[in-house]
Amino acid sequence: MTLRAIFKPQVNEAIKKGKCDIFVQLNFKMFKEIEGEFDKNDYPAQKTIMMEGEDKNGTYEYDLEFDYPYGTYEMEVLWDLKGKATEEEQELKQLPESETKFLIF
């Protein structure tokens, strides 16, 4: 199954202008019927993936598409300022309420 997240920020200037890294946190549970067909180590129950951003006329748009086996999932978009070298340095935060309406899953 292909999962996709699109985010087109409109309110927060730092997020809108590409000064932040945007991540999708995926919580996933594979359907029991197909567990034998896939290696669970390849599809962890929780995974954080950075979205690719592209400047579209001065405002960044973020897009992420990936394939996962069929199952149940929840996705949450998080952010932090750019330039954090390691995962330990990152302080991922929830998107401001004003930006969540610009998410498409």
N, C-alpha and C. Protein backbone atom coordinates (compact mmCIF):
# COMPACT_ATOMS: atom_id res chain seq x y z
N MET A 1 0.86 -1.16 0.00
CA MET A 1 0.00 0.00 0.00
C MET A 1 0.91 1.22 0.00
N THR A 2 0.54 2.22 -0.77
CA THR A 2 1.32 3.46 -0.84
C THR A 2 0.72 4.47 0.12
N LEU A 3 1.57 5.01 0.99
CA LEU A 3 1.17 6.07 1.92
C LEU A 3 1.78 7.38 1.43
N ARG A 4 1.01 8.44 1.57
CA ARG A 4 1.50 9.74 1.11
C ARG A 4 1.06 10.83 2.08
N ALA A 5 1.97 11.76 2.33
CA ALA A 5 1.66 12.94 3.14
C ALA A 5 2.12 14.17 2.36
N ILE A 6 1.26 15.17 2.30
CA ILE A 6 1.58 16.45 1.64
C ILE A 6 1.30 17.54 2.65
N PHE A 7 2.21 18.49 2.74
CA PHE A 7 2.06 19.60 3.67
C PHE A 7 2.43 20.88 2.95
N LYS A 8 1.50 21.83 2.94
CA LYS A 8 1.71 23.13 2.30
C LYS A 8 1.48 24.22 3.35
N PRO A 9 2.53 24.53 4.16
CA PRO A 9 2.35 25.49 5.25
C PRO A 9 1.97 26.87 4.74
N GLN A 10 1.14 27.56 5.53
CA GLN A 10 0.64 28.87 5.12
C GLN A 10 0.78 29.95 6.19
N VAL A 11 1.02 29.57 7.46
CA VAL A 11 0.91 30.53 8.54
C VAL A 11 2.27 30.86 9.18
N ASN A 12 2.92 29.86 9.74
CA ASN A 12 4.17 30.05 10.47
C ASN A 12 5.30 30.38 9.49
N GLU A 13 5.92 31.55 9.62
CA GLU A 13 6.93 32.01 8.67
C GLU A 13 8.14 31.09 8.60
N ALA A 14 8.65 30.60 9.74
CA ALA A 14 9.82 29.73 9.73
C ALA A 14 9.53 28.43 8.99
N ILE A 15 8.36 27.86 9.20
CA ILE A 15 7.98 26.62 8.51
C ILE A 15 7.71 26.91 7.04
N LYS A 16 7.02 27.99 6.77
CA LYS A 16 6.63 28.36 5.41
C LYS A 16 7.84 28.64 4.52
N LYS A 17 8.89 29.21 5.08
CA LYS A 17 10.05 29.63 4.31
C LYS A 17 11.16 28.58 4.28
N GLY A 18 10.90 27.36 4.75
CA GLY A 18 11.87 26.28 4.65
C GLY A 18 12.99 26.33 5.68
N LYS A 19 12.77 27.02 6.78
CA LYS A 19 13.80 27.12 7.83
C LYS A 19 13.68 25.99 8.85
N CYS A 20 12.80 25.04 8.57
CA CYS A 20 12.56 23.93 9.49
C CYS A 20 12.63 22.62 8.73
N ASP A 21 12.93 21.56 9.46
CA ASP A 21 12.82 20.21 8.93
C ASP A 21 11.45 19.68 9.35
N ILE A 22 10.78 19.03 8.43
CA ILE A 22 9.44 18.50 8.67
C ILE A 22 9.53 16.96 8.61
N PHE A 23 8.90 16.31 9.57
CA PHE A 23 8.96 14.86 9.68
C PHE A 23 7.56 14.26 9.76
N VAL A 24 7.44 13.03 9.29
CA VAL A 24 6.23 12.23 9.51
C VAL A 24 6.60 11.14 10.49
N GLN A 25 5.82 11.05 11.56
CA GLN A 25 5.98 9.95 12.50
C GLN A 25 4.87 8.95 12.19
N LEU A 26 5.28 7.75 11.82
CA LEU A 26 4.34 6.70 11.43
C LEU A 26 4.23 5.68 12.54
N ASN A 27 3.01 5.38 12.95
CA ASN A 27 2.71 4.28 13.86
C ASN A 27 1.96 3.25 13.04
N PHE A 28 2.49 2.03 12.98
CA PHE A 28 2.02 1.03 12.03
C PHE A 28 1.82 -0.32 12.70
N LYS A 29 0.76 -1.00 12.31
CA LYS A 29 0.52 -2.38 12.74
C LYS A 29 0.07 -3.17 11.52
N MET A 30 0.90 -4.14 11.15
CA MET A 30 0.62 -4.97 9.98
C MET A 30 -0.58 -5.89 10.25
N PHE A 31 -1.41 -6.10 9.22
CA PHE A 31 -2.50 -7.06 9.35
C PHE A 31 -1.91 -8.45 9.61
N LYS A 32 -2.48 -9.18 10.55
CA LYS A 32 -1.99 -10.52 10.93
C LYS A 32 -1.97 -11.48 9.73
N GLU A 33 -2.94 -11.34 8.84
CA GLU A 33 -3.05 -12.25 7.70
C GLU A 33 -1.83 -12.22 6.78
N ILE A 34 -1.07 -11.12 6.80
CA ILE A 34 0.07 -11.02 5.87
C ILE A 34 1.42 -10.98 6.59
N GLU A 35 1.43 -11.20 7.90
CA GLU A 35 2.69 -11.12 8.66
C GLU A 35 3.75 -12.09 8.14
N GLY A 36 3.36 -13.25 7.64
CA GLY A 36 4.34 -14.21 7.13
C GLY A 36 4.96 -13.80 5.81
N GLU A 37 4.35 -12.86 5.11
CA GLU A 37 4.84 -12.44 3.80
C GLU A 37 5.90 -11.35 3.87
N PHE A 38 6.02 -10.68 5.03
CA PHE A 38 6.93 -9.55 5.16
C PHE A 38 7.79 -9.72 6.41
N ASP A 39 9.00 -9.22 6.36
CA ASP A 39 9.89 -9.23 7.52
C ASP A 39 9.53 -8.02 8.39
N LYS A 40 9.09 -8.28 9.62
CA LYS A 40 8.68 -7.19 10.52
C LYS A 40 9.82 -6.20 10.77
N ASN A 41 11.08 -6.65 10.68
CA ASN A 41 12.21 -5.75 10.90
C ASN A 41 12.32 -4.68 9.81
N ASP A 42 11.77 -4.98 8.64
CA ASP A 42 11.79 -4.01 7.54
C ASP A 42 10.68 -2.95 7.70
N TYR A 43 9.69 -3.23 8.55
CA TYR A 43 8.55 -2.34 8.73
C TYR A 43 8.28 -2.15 10.22
N PRO A 44 9.09 -1.31 10.87
CA PRO A 44 8.93 -1.13 12.32
C PRO A 44 7.58 -0.52 12.69
N ALA A 45 7.17 -0.78 13.94
CA ALA A 45 5.88 -0.28 14.42
C ALA A 45 5.87 1.24 14.52
N GLN A 46 7.02 1.85 14.75
CA GLN A 46 7.11 3.32 14.80
C GLN A 46 8.34 3.74 14.02
N LYS A 47 8.16 4.71 13.15
CA LYS A 47 9.25 5.20 12.31
C LYS A 47 9.06 6.69 12.07
N THR A 48 10.16 7.44 12.11
CA THR A 48 10.13 8.87 11.83
C THR A 48 10.92 9.12 10.56
N ILE A 49 10.28 9.78 9.59
CA ILE A 49 10.87 10.00 8.27
C ILE A 49 10.82 11.49 7.95
N MET A 50 11.94 12.04 7.47
CA MET A 50 11.95 13.45 7.10
C MET A 50 11.30 13.63 5.73
N MET A 51 10.45 14.64 5.61
CA MET A 51 9.78 14.96 4.35
C MET A 51 10.72 15.83 3.50
N GLU A 52 10.64 15.65 2.21
CA GLU A 52 11.40 16.49 1.28
C GLU A 52 10.64 17.78 1.03
N GLY A 53 11.35 18.90 1.12
CA GLY A 53 10.73 20.20 0.87
C GLY A 53 11.20 20.80 -0.44
N GLU A 54 10.31 21.52 -1.09
CA GLU A 54 10.65 22.19 -2.34
C GLU A 54 10.09 23.60 -2.32
N ASP A 55 10.92 24.56 -2.71
CA ASP A 55 10.51 25.96 -2.75
C ASP A 55 9.60 26.17 -3.96
N LYS A 56 8.37 26.58 -3.67
CA LYS A 56 7.40 26.87 -4.73
C LYS A 56 7.02 28.34 -4.63
N ASN A 57 7.75 29.19 -5.34
CA ASN A 57 7.49 30.63 -5.35
C ASN A 57 7.58 31.25 -3.97
N GLY A 58 8.63 30.89 -3.21
CA GLY A 58 8.86 31.51 -1.91
C GLY A 58 8.21 30.81 -0.73
N THR A 59 7.39 29.81 -0.97
CA THR A 59 6.77 29.04 0.09
C THR A 59 7.10 27.57 -0.14
N TYR A 60 7.55 26.91 0.91
CA TYR A 60 7.93 25.50 0.78
C TYR A 60 6.71 24.60 0.80
N GLU A 61 6.80 23.52 0.02
CA GLU A 61 5.81 22.45 0.04
C GLU A 61 6.57 21.16 0.32
N TYR A 62 5.98 20.33 1.16
CA TYR A 62 6.63 19.09 1.59
C TYR A 62 5.81 17.91 1.13
N ASP A 63 6.52 16.86 0.70
CA ASP A 63 5.85 15.69 0.15
C ASP A 63 6.63 14.45 0.56
N LEU A 64 5.91 13.40 0.91
CA LEU A 64 6.52 12.13 1.26
C LEU A 64 5.61 11.02 0.78
N GLU A 65 6.20 10.05 0.07
CA GLU A 65 5.44 8.90 -0.40
C GLU A 65 6.30 7.67 -0.18
N PHE A 66 5.71 6.62 0.38
CA PHE A 66 6.46 5.39 0.61
C PHE A 66 5.49 4.21 0.64
N ASP A 67 6.04 3.03 0.42
CA ASP A 67 5.25 1.81 0.38
C ASP A 67 5.42 1.02 1.67
N TYR A 68 4.33 0.52 2.18
CA TYR A 68 4.28 -0.30 3.39
C TYR A 68 3.27 -1.41 3.15
N PRO A 69 3.39 -2.54 3.84
CA PRO A 69 2.37 -3.59 3.71
C PRO A 69 1.02 -3.08 4.23
N TYR A 70 -0.02 -3.79 3.88
CA TYR A 70 -1.34 -3.42 4.38
C TYR A 70 -1.41 -3.59 5.89
N GLY A 71 -2.09 -2.67 6.53
CA GLY A 71 -2.25 -2.70 7.98
C GLY A 71 -2.96 -1.44 8.43
N THR A 72 -2.89 -1.19 9.72
CA THR A 72 -3.45 0.05 10.26
C THR A 72 -2.29 1.00 10.53
N TYR A 73 -2.54 2.27 10.37
CA TYR A 73 -1.48 3.25 10.59
C TYR A 73 -2.06 4.58 11.04
N GLU A 74 -1.23 5.32 11.72
CA GLU A 74 -1.50 6.72 12.07
C GLU A 74 -0.26 7.50 11.69
N MET A 75 -0.47 8.69 11.14
CA MET A 75 0.66 9.55 10.80
C MET A 75 0.47 10.88 11.50
N GLU A 76 1.59 11.41 11.99
CA GLU A 76 1.60 12.72 12.62
C GLU A 76 2.77 13.49 12.03
N VAL A 77 2.56 14.76 11.74
CA VAL A 77 3.62 15.59 11.19
C VAL A 77 4.21 16.42 12.32
N LEU A 78 5.55 16.38 12.40
CA LEU A 78 6.30 17.08 13.44
C LEU A 78 7.34 17.98 12.78
N TRP A 79 7.91 18.91 13.55
CA TRP A 79 8.89 19.82 12.98
C TRP A 79 9.95 20.20 14.01
N ASP A 80 11.06 20.71 13.50
CA ASP A 80 12.14 21.28 14.31
C ASP A 80 12.93 22.22 13.41
N LEU A 81 13.68 23.11 14.02
CA LEU A 81 14.51 24.02 13.25
C LEU A 81 15.58 23.23 12.50
N LYS A 82 15.98 23.71 11.32
CA LYS A 82 17.01 23.06 10.52
C LYS A 82 18.35 23.09 11.24
N GLY A 83 19.22 22.19 10.83
CA GLY A 83 20.60 22.23 11.28
C GLY A 83 20.94 21.34 12.46
N LYS A 84 20.00 20.52 12.92
CA LYS A 84 20.30 19.59 14.00
C LYS A 84 21.04 18.40 13.39
N ALA A 85 22.25 18.16 13.85
CA ALA A 85 23.12 17.16 13.22
C ALA A 85 22.68 15.72 13.51
N THR A 86 22.16 15.49 14.69
CA THR A 86 21.80 14.11 15.06
C THR A 86 20.36 14.04 15.56
N GLU A 87 19.83 12.83 15.60
CA GLU A 87 18.47 12.64 16.11
C GLU A 87 18.38 13.06 17.57
N GLU A 88 19.46 12.86 18.32
CA GLU A 88 19.46 13.22 19.74
C GLU A 88 19.31 14.73 19.94
N GLU A 89 19.81 15.52 19.00
CA GLU A 89 19.71 16.97 19.11
C GLU A 89 18.32 17.49 18.74
N GLN A 90 17.58 16.71 17.98
CA GLN A 90 16.27 17.15 17.52
C GLN A 90 15.28 17.22 18.68
N GLU A 91 14.47 18.24 18.64
CA GLU A 91 13.38 18.41 19.60
C GLU A 91 12.09 18.54 18.79
N LEU A 92 11.62 17.39 18.30
CA LEU A 92 10.46 17.41 17.42
C LEU A 92 9.22 17.87 18.18
N LYS A 93 8.49 18.77 17.51
CA LYS A 93 7.29 19.36 18.11
C LYS A 93 6.11 19.13 17.18
N GLN A 94 4.92 19.13 17.75
CA GLN A 94 3.71 19.06 16.94
C GLN A 94 3.56 20.34 16.14
N LEU A 95 2.94 20.22 14.99
CA LEU A 95 2.67 21.42 14.20
C LEU A 95 1.72 22.33 14.96
N PRO A 96 1.87 23.64 14.77
CA PRO A 96 0.89 24.55 15.36
C PRO A 96 -0.50 24.23 14.81
N GLU A 97 -1.50 24.38 15.63
CA GLU A 97 -2.90 24.11 15.24
C GLU A 97 -3.26 24.84 13.94
N SER A 98 -2.74 26.04 13.77
CA SER A 98 -3.07 26.84 12.59
C SER A 98 -2.54 26.22 11.31
N GLU A 99 -1.55 25.33 11.39
CA GLU A 99 -0.97 24.71 10.19
C GLU A 99 -1.58 23.35 9.87
N THR A 100 -2.23 22.70 10.81
CA THR A 100 -2.69 21.33 10.59
C THR A 100 -3.74 21.21 9.49
N LYS A 101 -4.45 22.28 9.22
CA LYS A 101 -5.46 22.22 8.16
C LYS A 101 -4.84 22.20 6.76
N PHE A 102 -3.52 22.38 6.68
CA PHE A 102 -2.84 22.36 5.39
C PHE A 102 -2.12 21.03 5.13
N LEU A 103 -2.51 19.99 5.90
CA LEU A 103 -1.99 18.64 5.74
C LEU A 103 -2.93 17.80 4.92
N ILE A 104 -2.37 16.95 4.07
CA ILE A 104 -3.18 16.00 3.31
C ILE A 104 -2.54 14.63 3.49
N PHE A 105 -3.34 13.65 3.95
CA PHE A 105 -2.85 12.28 4.07
C PHE A 105 -3.58 11.42 3.08
